[in-house]
Amino acid sequence: MSKVQPKAVCDPAERLPGRHDMALYGIYEISKILCGPGDLRGILVATLGVMSSFLDMVNGLISLPGDGGDDMLVAGNACLGAIRYSETLPEKVLAQIIATGVPLAVGDVALDPHNAWDTSGWGHPGQKFSFLGVPIKDRGHVIGTLSIDLAWSACPSPHMDDDLRFLKMVASLVGQAVRLHRLVTRDRARMLEDQSRLDKDLPADAGRCGHQHGIIGESPAVRAVMEKLRLVARRDTSVLLQGESGTGKELFACALHRLSARRDGPFIKLNCAVLPESMLESELFGHEKGSFTGAIVQRRGRFELANGGTLFMDEISETSPAFQAKLLRVLQEGEFERVGGNRTLKVNVRLVTATNRNLEEAVSKGAFRADLYYRINVVPIRLPPLRERRDDIPLLASEFLRRFNADNETRLSLEPSAMEVLSRCYFPGNIRELENCIRRTATLARGERLTGADFACSNDSCLSSVLWKVPGPCAVPAGDHAPVPPPMPPVPAAMDPRMPQAWGSGTGSLPTRSELVGTMEKCGWVQAKAARMMGLTPRQVGYAVRKHCIDIPVL
């Protein structure tokens, strides 16, 4: 950090009473603006405006380098302007902050030996200025800068360190807001792109084995769900998809739309968990121009975009009771107003919602409105986890590897031993975890044929056991709301591991329950390690665990 002090030495002024309280109040006001809906540029302009009322700043600038090399510049001084003010700054000042990720403080810019400052137009003639600049970061990466100048006449402000800390807190909030707005923008763009590809992709899916309207699977569990979707698709009733994370709720919602009479209409998606309530309302209902800071144009919401089609709301359980009341009115009356508007709009939308939580429990605890629950849960459809549709694992694995080969121009294939390993896995992350497993293994593969030994679970390095704390195939992740599956039934006599043909030569009899539990505890409940200690194979240990109905604890 470079800091140049002026030649004049001034006695520090006494700290103003309540200064820290004012800083907290400023952070509170800024956070309300950044969490609100609206155009990103307008929100950042309003943020700098609030900062000017809490700091002795003359100019302020937020610079966010774009992906294409162009900068989006936002200034708090309307007279000088963003571009003009940025031109008065030395070229390497902002570049230094971005490159180093370290704040920069200059006590008197006129005495800075490293840079030539052009302060013309900054303030009144005869004023002197200090400069403060901090990096704006998103998950540790610098994405821009926040900089201000402070005017003084006799000596610099004695509170520069406090002002610098204040700027760091504001920059942290700005980084989160920028990331959120960029995610929403990309989501809206993908939504329109996905809609245009919806019907075009259907024939390709239907032509491959096991594909039904984008759903991969031929197991009885999947066939039952698809049959129920076909029945429900004939009517416009609301549908609630319930299932664990990674079971493909969005794909099933899309399949329902394709099967319905609304197939030619739009299929609009919204994830309720990724947006704060203020932005969620604007995204869903839209807003009028000038309805809040940053609302520089009128914007249509997801309900309007889905008119004549289907609106899919994922993670509906993450919404607040206040928002649920507004959503209930739309479902009951089919009408709403944009944020900041007074004109009532009517829409014809079929609502499909999804959750991985127990809504009945949330209703009983008062966390979810009972009237909204009965409105969206007209037809509940439970999506089976992957452990209940193991017959589909080979189809899914082959499809994921096919996509990997297409993306990376490779020709990898799965050996029978690889399919055997995958079929034994529990996959608490369901289909999403299976795809991750295939891509990870394919990325690290040394040859063109993936065998069972290539997978992490064969080398005691399974990421699932680390992430979910699941050392074996019989436990579910902590905090998962899906019911714990019952223990597998005893092994038939013909397959009893105590029989010589099941264990191989020299293996003796099946370990007792206490022996098995003791060994598993020593190995941290990792079955592969326990198998090596007992001179068995992981498959034999798995048989023994199921035979004794041992519940693998969640560590």
Foldseek 3Di string as FASTA:
>chain_A
DDEAFDPDDDDADDDDPCLVVLLVVLLVVLLVLLQFDFALLLSVLVNVLSVVVSAQFQKKWKWFQDPVRDIDIHMNHPVCDGVNVVVQDFPCPFVVCQVVQAKDKYFWQVPDPPGDGDCVPSDDPQKTKIKIKGFQDDPRHGRIMIMTIHTDHPGGHSCVVVVNVSRVSSSPSSNVSVVLVVVVVVLVVVQVVCQVCQVVCQVVQVVDPQGDSNGRADFPQVVVLVVVLLVPQADLAFEEEEEAAQLCPVSSVSSSQCNHPLVVFGEAEDEPQSGDPNNVLCQAAWAQDPLDRNRNHTTHHRQVRRFSGEYEYEAPLNDAQVVLVQVLVCLVPQWDHHRSDDDIDHGDYRYYYYHQADVVVCCVVVRYPPSSCCRNHVDYDYRDFCLVRLVRLVVLLQVLVVVVCVVVVAQADEDPQCSVLSSQAQPLNGSVVSSVQSNVLVVPDPDRYDHNCSGCLVVVRDVCCVVQVDQHNQDHRPPRRDDRDFQDDADDPVQQCQDCVNWDPPLHGQDDPVVLVVLCVVVSNRLCNSCVVSVGHSVSSVNSCSNVRPHRDRD
